[in-house]
């Protein structure tokens, strides 16, 4: 208390001057409308600049949180681009049992829509026809057990190799986030790769820049089926379009998208654009160079496609692909036996 009184007594002249200045400034503003308006306008301008700078500083320290929010919003929006095949369909009836004759009984989810009483189409025959049509269930829905898709899983790339023979990425999401192996990974620019293995909180992705990864693709202009692969030694901005027949008309600038045939990526995801087409002698296929849509040198955020491959489909296709070889072997054996029998005959 003694120090405070000593301070006030020591600087009483300066403090009195500041007090009188504040009082005079207050009376100056309250008694003049013009000066009051000019003061508040200037004060608002300076306060606006100050608040803007404060907001910029606060946002800088919240960039990580803002990026996560934007990534989640982008994942929800991108999920709407890849709906399930039957997401817009609605079954009109469901099977609830069988009658005494063994016929399936359906419960109608939507009543029959009959014409207005005064329309030409009214009548017992027409009403019976409409009821018969409504009694047919949507078999595409009732016969399918397709699992409902989940939203895209947003992830950040925490490791990325570019100049190896087989390149991989590491993501900061794993099984705890719903990521499973053999799921596709895409980015804003297009296809990135396929999930190879997952742990609880991390995932290892086989990049498009991998010599053993092939992507089922098609030319968007005419639907020609092909595949995309990255050959060893090529730079990280290009790849090759494989299995394009020599007679196929491929133009520079054509868009290559996923075909959806391998069940890893939904159809229509951008892969890249054709940069050059070369016809080489003694080859049945064209050499098509593709510029990838994803810049792997600046890849930061990606999305894991939620739809997993069908195990039943994969096993069936693998079995049927092996079947023709066995049939050919059996046919060759039968032909040899038949030729041997003919030789023995006089």
Protein backbone atom coordinates (compact mmCIF):
# COMPACT_ATOMS: atom_id res chain seq x y z
CA UNK A 1 0.00 0.00 0.00
CA UNK A 2 2.86 2.31 0.82
CA UNK A 3 4.45 1.63 -2.58
CA UNK A 4 1.19 2.37 -4.38
CA UNK A 5 0.80 5.71 -2.59
CA UNK A 6 4.42 6.54 -3.35
CA UNK A 7 3.85 5.75 -7.03
CA UNK A 8 0.73 7.93 -7.22
CA UNK A 9 2.44 10.82 -5.49
CA UNK A 10 5.48 10.52 -7.73
CA UNK A 11 3.54 10.51 -11.02
CA UNK A 12 0.51 12.54 -9.95
CA UNK A 13 1.12 15.18 -12.59
CA UNK A 14 1.23 12.73 -15.49
CA UNK A 15 -1.78 10.79 -14.19
CA UNK A 16 -3.80 13.99 -13.78
CA UNK A 17 -2.90 15.03 -17.34
CA UNK A 18 -4.02 11.68 -18.79
CA UNK A 19 -7.29 11.82 -16.82
CA UNK A 20 -8.08 15.32 -18.06
CA UNK A 21 -7.29 14.30 -21.64
CA UNK A 22 -9.69 11.34 -21.44
CA UNK A 23 -12.46 13.52 -19.96
CA UNK A 24 -11.97 16.21 -22.60
CA UNK A 25 -11.93 13.62 -25.39
CA UNK A 26 -15.18 12.14 -24.06
CA UNK A 27 -16.91 15.52 -24.00
CA UNK A 28 -15.54 16.27 -27.46
CA UNK A 29 -17.11 13.15 -28.93
CA UNK A 30 -20.43 13.36 -27.09
CA UNK A 31 -21.08 16.99 -28.06
CA UNK A 32 -20.21 16.65 -31.78
CA UNK A 33 -22.12 14.17 -33.95
CA UNK A 34 -19.69 14.47 -36.85
CA UNK A 35 -16.63 13.78 -34.70
CA UNK A 36 -18.46 10.93 -32.99
CA UNK A 37 -19.34 9.29 -36.34
CA UNK A 38 -15.78 9.73 -37.66
CA UNK A 39 -14.33 8.24 -34.49
CA UNK A 40 -16.54 5.16 -34.53
CA UNK A 41 -15.91 4.58 -38.23
CA UNK A 42 -12.17 4.71 -37.71
CA UNK A 43 -12.43 2.55 -34.61
CA UNK A 44 -14.47 -0.06 -36.48
CA UNK A 45 -11.92 -0.15 -39.29
CA UNK A 46 -9.00 -0.64 -36.92
CA UNK A 47 -10.89 -3.19 -34.85
CA UNK A 48 -11.80 -5.09 -38.02
CA UNK A 49 -8.14 -5.30 -39.04
CA UNK A 50 -7.17 -6.38 -35.54
CA UNK A 51 -9.85 -9.07 -35.37
CA UNK A 52 -8.93 -10.33 -38.84
CA UNK A 53 -5.30 -10.73 -37.81
CA UNK A 54 -6.35 -12.51 -34.64
CA UNK A 55 -8.55 -14.88 -36.66
CA UNK A 56 -5.71 -15.64 -39.06
CA UNK A 57 -3.42 -16.52 -36.18
CA UNK A 58 -6.08 -18.71 -34.57
CA UNK A 59 -6.86 -20.45 -37.87
CA UNK A 60 -3.19 -21.15 -38.44
CA UNK A 61 -3.04 -23.18 -35.24
CA UNK A 62 -6.32 -24.92 -36.18
CA UNK A 63 -5.23 -26.03 -39.67
CA UNK A 64 -5.04 -29.69 -38.67
CA UNK A 65 -8.58 -29.68 -37.31
CA UNK A 66 -9.91 -27.76 -40.32
CA UNK A 67 -8.25 -30.19 -42.73
CA UNK A 68 -9.88 -33.13 -40.97
CA UNK A 69 -13.30 -31.48 -41.22
CA UNK A 70 -12.82 -30.70 -44.92
CA UNK A 71 -11.60 -34.24 -45.58
CA UNK A 72 -14.68 -35.72 -43.89
CA UNK A 73 -16.96 -33.43 -45.91
CA UNK A 74 -15.21 -34.38 -49.16
CA UNK A 75 -15.56 -38.07 -48.29
CA UNK A 76 -19.31 -37.67 -47.81
CA UNK A 77 -19.65 -35.79 -51.10
CA UNK A 78 -17.53 -38.27 -53.04
CA UNK A 79 -19.54 -41.15 -51.61
CA UNK A 80 -22.58 -39.73 -53.38
CA UNK A 81 -20.72 -40.10 -56.70
CA UNK A 82 -20.44 -43.86 -56.23
CA UNK A 83 -23.86 -45.12 -55.05
CA UNK A 84 -24.67 -48.80 -55.00
CA UNK A 85 -26.32 -50.24 -58.10
CA UNK A 86 -29.69 -50.48 -56.40
CA UNK A 87 -29.55 -47.52 -54.02
CA UNK A 88 -32.35 -45.72 -55.88
CA UNK A 89 -34.63 -48.75 -56.13
CA UNK A 90 -37.40 -49.63 -53.77
CA UNK A 91 -39.11 -53.00 -53.54
CA UNK A 92 -42.88 -52.89 -53.95
CA UNK A 93 -43.48 -56.15 -52.07
CA UNK A 94 -41.80 -58.63 -49.78
CA UNK A 95 -42.32 -62.40 -49.39
CA UNK A 96 -44.00 -63.24 -46.08
CA UNK A 97 -44.76 -66.94 -46.51
CA UNK A 98 -46.58 -69.53 -48.60
CA UNK A 99 -50.25 -70.36 -48.97
CA UNK A 100 -51.80 -73.82 -48.77
CA UNK A 101 -50.92 -74.53 -52.40
CA UNK A 102 -47.25 -73.70 -51.84
CA UNK A 103 -47.34 -70.39 -53.65
CA UNK A 104 -45.36 -67.48 -52.25
CA UNK A 105 -47.47 -64.80 -50.58
CA UNK A 106 -46.23 -61.19 -50.86
CA UNK A 107 -46.95 -58.23 -48.61
CA UNK A 108 -47.32 -55.09 -50.71
CA UNK A 109 -45.30 -52.08 -49.56
CA UNK A 110 -47.08 -49.71 -51.94
CA UNK A 111 -50.78 -49.87 -52.83
CA UNK A 112 -51.86 -50.32 -56.43
CA UNK A 113 -52.19 -46.99 -58.25
CA UNK A 114 -55.53 -47.12 -60.03
CA UNK A 115 -56.86 -44.60 -62.56
CA UNK A 116 -59.35 -41.94 -61.58
CA UNK A 117 -63.01 -43.02 -61.58
CA UNK A 118 -63.82 -40.92 -64.64
CA UNK A 119 -60.85 -42.00 -66.78
CA UNK A 120 -61.10 -44.28 -69.81
CA UNK A 121 -58.80 -46.93 -68.32
CA UNK A 122 -61.23 -47.82 -65.51
CA UNK A 123 -62.99 -51.12 -65.46
CA UNK A 124 -62.70 -54.56 -63.89
CA UNK A 125 -60.22 -55.83 -66.50
CA UNK A 126 -57.91 -52.84 -66.20
CA UNK A 127 -58.04 -52.86 -62.40
CA UNK A 128 -57.20 -56.57 -62.36
CA UNK A 129 -54.26 -55.97 -64.71
CA UNK A 130 -52.87 -53.20 -62.50
CA UNK A 131 -53.21 -55.31 -59.37
CA UNK A 132 -51.41 -58.18 -61.12
CA UNK A 133 -48.56 -55.86 -62.08
CA UNK A 134 -48.27 -54.57 -58.51
CA UNK A 135 -48.22 -58.12 -57.16
CA UNK A 136 -44.91 -58.84 -58.91
CA UNK A 137 -42.01 -58.19 -56.52
CA UNK A 138 -38.82 -56.43 -57.45
CA UNK A 139 -36.73 -59.58 -57.83
CA UNK A 140 -33.53 -57.59 -58.33
CA UNK A 141 -33.91 -56.37 -54.75
CA UNK A 142 -35.40 -59.45 -53.16
CA UNK A 143 -32.81 -61.82 -54.60
CA UNK A 144 -29.77 -59.77 -53.68
CA UNK A 145 -27.86 -59.80 -50.41
CA UNK A 146 -25.51 -57.01 -51.30
CA UNK A 147 -24.12 -55.30 -48.25
CA UNK A 148 -24.98 -51.63 -47.93
CA UNK A 149 -22.01 -49.47 -48.69
CA UNK A 150 -20.38 -47.31 -46.06
CA UNK A 151 -19.00 -43.83 -46.60
CA UNK A 152 -15.53 -43.37 -48.00
CA UNK A 153 -12.79 -43.51 -45.38
CA UNK A 154 -10.66 -40.37 -45.48
CA UNK A 155 -6.96 -40.86 -44.78
CA UNK A 156 -3.67 -39.00 -44.83
CA UNK A 157 -0.57 -40.31 -46.58
CA UNK A 158 2.26 -40.55 -44.04
CA UNK A 159 4.76 -42.35 -46.26
CA UNK A 160 5.09 -42.57 -50.04
CA UNK A 161 7.77 -44.11 -52.26
CA UNK A 162 8.16 -42.98 -55.88
CA UNK A 163 11.39 -44.29 -57.37
CA UNK A 164 11.41 -47.95 -56.36
CA UNK A 165 10.56 -50.89 -58.61
CA UNK A 166 7.47 -51.58 -56.49
CA UNK A 167 6.16 -48.50 -54.70
CA UNK A 168 3.90 -48.40 -51.64
CA UNK A 169 2.04 -45.86 -49.53
CA UNK A 170 1.27 -45.85 -45.82
CA UNK A 171 -1.99 -44.37 -44.53
CA UNK A 172 -2.93 -43.27 -41.02
CA UNK A 173 -6.10 -45.41 -40.94
CA UNK A 174 -6.52 -49.10 -40.26
CA UNK A 175 -8.93 -51.81 -39.21
CA UNK A 176 -10.20 -49.63 -36.37
CA UNK A 177 -11.47 -47.20 -39.02
CA UNK A 178 -13.14 -49.91 -41.10
CA UNK A 179 -10.35 -50.37 -43.65
CA UNK A 180 -9.82 -53.89 -45.00
CA UNK A 181 -7.34 -55.40 -47.47
CA UNK A 182 -8.06 -55.42 -51.20
CA UNK A 183 -10.00 -52.17 -51.10
CA UNK A 184 -9.41 -49.44 -53.63
CA UNK A 185 -7.79 -46.12 -52.75
CA UNK A 186 -8.62 -42.97 -54.71
CA UNK A 187 -7.77 -39.27 -54.48
CA UNK A 188 -9.16 -36.08 -55.93
CA UNK A 189 -7.13 -36.69 -59.08
CA UNK A 190 -8.15 -40.32 -59.60
CA UNK A 191 -6.98 -43.85 -58.75
CA UNK A 192 -4.14 -44.20 -56.23
CA UNK A 193 -3.82 -47.93 -55.54
CA UNK A 194 -5.14 -50.90 -53.58
CA UNK A 195 -4.88 -51.73 -49.88
CA UNK A 196 -2.41 -54.56 -49.38
CA UNK A 197 -2.37 -55.02 -45.59
CA UNK A 198 -3.80 -53.29 -42.53
CA UNK A 199 -3.03 -53.03 -38.85
CA UNK A 200 -5.24 -51.50 -36.21
CA UNK A 201 -4.35 -47.91 -37.05
CA UNK A 202 -2.34 -48.04 -40.29
CA UNK A 203 -2.71 -49.39 -43.82
CA UNK A 204 -0.13 -50.30 -46.47
CA UNK A 205 -1.25 -49.55 -50.02
CA UNK A 206 0.07 -50.96 -53.26
CA UNK A 207 0.52 -47.85 -55.36
CA UNK A 208 -0.37 -47.51 -59.03
CA UNK A 209 3.40 -47.18 -59.38
CA UNK A 210 3.80 -50.90 -58.74
CA UNK A 211 4.99 -53.30 -61.40
CA UNK A 212 2.53 -56.05 -60.42
CA UNK A 213 -0.63 -53.98 -60.06
CA UNK A 214 -3.05 -53.93 -62.99
CA UNK A 215 -6.22 -51.85 -63.01
CA UNK A 216 -9.24 -52.89 -65.04
CA UNK A 217 -10.04 -49.85 -67.16
CA UNK A 218 -11.86 -48.68 -70.24
CA UNK A 219 -11.75 -45.83 -72.72
CA UNK A 220 -14.53 -43.48 -71.68
CA UNK A 221 -15.27 -42.32 -75.22
CA UNK A 222 -16.34 -45.70 -76.63
CA UNK A 223 -16.13 -48.12 -73.69
CA UNK A 224 -13.21 -50.16 -75.04
CA UNK A 225 -11.97 -52.49 -72.30
CA UNK A 226 -8.28 -52.32 -71.38
CA UNK A 227 -6.00 -52.34 -68.36
CA UNK A 228 -3.52 -49.90 -66.88
CA UNK A 229 -0.13 -50.89 -65.51
CA UNK A 230 3.09 -49.12 -64.53
CA UNK A 231 6.18 -50.67 -66.11
CA UNK A 232 9.48 -50.75 -64.28
CA UNK A 233 11.66 -47.73 -65.01
CA UNK A 234 8.91 -45.31 -66.04
CA UNK A 235 8.55 -41.99 -64.20
CA UNK A 236 5.84 -41.49 -61.57
CA UNK A 237 3.67 -39.29 -63.81
CA UNK A 238 2.98 -41.88 -66.54
CA UNK A 239 1.77 -45.43 -67.06
CA UNK A 240 0.84 -47.70 -69.96
CA UNK A 241 -2.58 -48.74 -71.23
CA UNK A 242 -2.37 -52.46 -71.93
CA UNK A 243 -4.46 -54.87 -74.01
CA UNK A 244 -5.60 -52.34 -76.60
CA UNK A 245 -6.11 -54.08 -79.93
CA UNK A 246 -4.23 -52.79 -82.94
CA UNK A 247 -7.46 -51.97 -84.81
CA UNK A 248 -8.84 -49.93 -81.89
CA UNK A 249 -9.14 -46.21 -82.55
CA UNK A 250 -7.37 -44.47 -79.68
CA UNK A 251 -6.93 -40.70 -79.77
CA UNK A 252 -4.55 -38.47 -77.92
CA UNK A 253 -6.43 -36.89 -75.03
CA UNK A 254 -8.83 -39.82 -74.54
CA UNK A 255 -9.95 -40.30 -70.96
CA UNK A 256 -9.22 -43.61 -69.26
CA UNK A 257 -11.48 -44.58 -66.35
CA UNK A 258 -12.01 -47.68 -64.24
CA UNK A 259 -14.36 -50.29 -65.67
CA UNK A 260 -15.45 -51.78 -62.35
CA UNK A 261 -14.72 -55.33 -63.58
CA UNK A 262 -12.28 -56.18 -60.81
CA UNK A 263 -14.69 -55.11 -58.01
CA UNK A 264 -11.96 -53.05 -56.32
CA UNK A 265 -12.85 -49.65 -57.78
CA UNK A 266 -16.30 -48.40 -58.70
CA UNK A 267 -16.75 -47.82 -62.43
CA UNK A 268 -16.00 -44.41 -63.87
CA UNK A 269 -13.15 -43.31 -61.58
CA UNK A 270 -10.65 -41.20 -63.48
CA UNK A 271 -7.21 -42.75 -64.08
CA UNK A 272 -5.56 -40.49 -66.65
CA UNK A 273 -5.49 -39.18 -70.20
CA UNK A 274 -3.83 -40.66 -73.27
CA UNK A 275 -0.62 -38.80 -74.09
CA UNK A 276 0.69 -40.79 -77.07
CA UNK A 277 -0.26 -43.79 -79.21
CA UNK A 278 2.37 -45.86 -81.02
CA UNK A 279 1.81 -48.67 -83.50
CA UNK A 280 4.76 -51.05 -83.43
CA UNK A 281 5.38 -53.68 -86.12
CA UNK A 282 4.82 -57.36 -85.37
CA UNK A 283 2.59 -56.53 -82.39
CA UNK A 284 -1.15 -57.10 -82.06
CA UNK A 285 -1.56 -54.39 -79.40
CA UNK A 286 -0.98 -50.66 -79.41
CA UNK A 287 1.54 -48.97 -77.15
CA UNK A 288 -0.50 -46.30 -75.36
CA UNK A 289 1.22 -43.96 -72.93
CA UNK A 290 -1.00 -42.54 -70.21
CA UNK A 291 -0.52 -39.44 -68.08
CA UNK A 292 -1.82 -40.26 -64.61
CA UNK A 293 -4.37 -37.96 -63.03
CA UNK A 294 -2.78 -38.20 -59.57
CA UNK A 295 0.43 -36.32 -58.85
CA UNK A 296 2.10 -38.87 -56.56
CA UNK A 297 4.88 -36.45 -55.65
CA UNK A 298 2.37 -34.17 -53.90
CA UNK A 299 -0.14 -36.74 -52.66
CA UNK A 300 -1.40 -35.89 -49.17
CA UNK A 301 -5.02 -36.97 -48.66
CA UNK A 302 -6.75 -40.05 -50.10
CA UNK A 303 -10.02 -41.96 -49.72
CA UNK A 304 -10.46 -45.70 -49.20
CA UNK A 305 -13.34 -47.13 -51.23
CA UNK A 306 -15.68 -48.95 -48.82
CA UNK A 307 -17.01 -51.69 -51.14
CA UNK A 308 -14.83 -54.80 -50.65
CA UNK A 309 -14.29 -57.36 -53.41
CA UNK A 310 -16.66 -60.32 -53.45
CA UNK A 311 -14.95 -63.51 -52.33
CA UNK A 312 -17.58 -65.62 -54.04
CA UNK A 313 -17.14 -63.76 -57.32
CA UNK A 314 -13.34 -64.00 -57.18
CA UNK A 315 -13.37 -67.74 -56.49
CA UNK A 316 -15.89 -68.33 -59.28
CA UNK A 317 -13.92 -66.31 -61.83
CA UNK A 318 -10.67 -68.00 -60.84
CA UNK A 319 -12.28 -71.44 -61.18
CA UNK A 320 -13.81 -70.69 -64.56
CA UNK A 321 -10.56 -69.18 -65.83
CA UNK A 322 -8.79 -72.44 -65.04
CA UNK A 323 -11.53 -74.55 -66.61
CA UNK A 324 -10.71 -73.98 -70.30
CA UNK A 325 -7.12 -75.20 -69.80
CA UNK A 326 -8.31 -78.50 -68.34
CA UNK A 327 -10.85 -78.90 -71.12
CA UNK A 328 -8.15 -78.30 -73.73
CA UNK A 329 -5.93 -80.89 -72.09
CA UNK A 330 -8.76 -83.42 -72.08
CA UNK A 331 -9.55 -82.66 -75.68
CA UNK A 332 -5.91 -83.06 -76.69
CA UNK A 333 -5.72 -86.38 -74.86
CA UNK A 334 -8.88 -87.63 -76.56
CA UNK A 335 -7.55 -86.55 -79.95
CA UNK A 336 -4.31 -88.46 -79.38
CA UNK A 337 -6.21 -91.58 -78.38
CA UNK A 338 -8.42 -91.30 -81.44
CA UNK A 339 -5.37 -90.88 -83.70
CA UNK A 340 -3.72 -93.92 -82.11
CA UNK A 341 -6.83 -96.01 -82.75
CA UNK A 342 -6.90 -94.99 -86.39
CA UNK A 343 -3.25 -95.93 -86.81
CA UNK A 344 -3.88 -99.41 -85.41
CA UNK A 345 -6.68 -100.04 -87.90
CA UNK A 346 -5.47 -101.76 -91.14
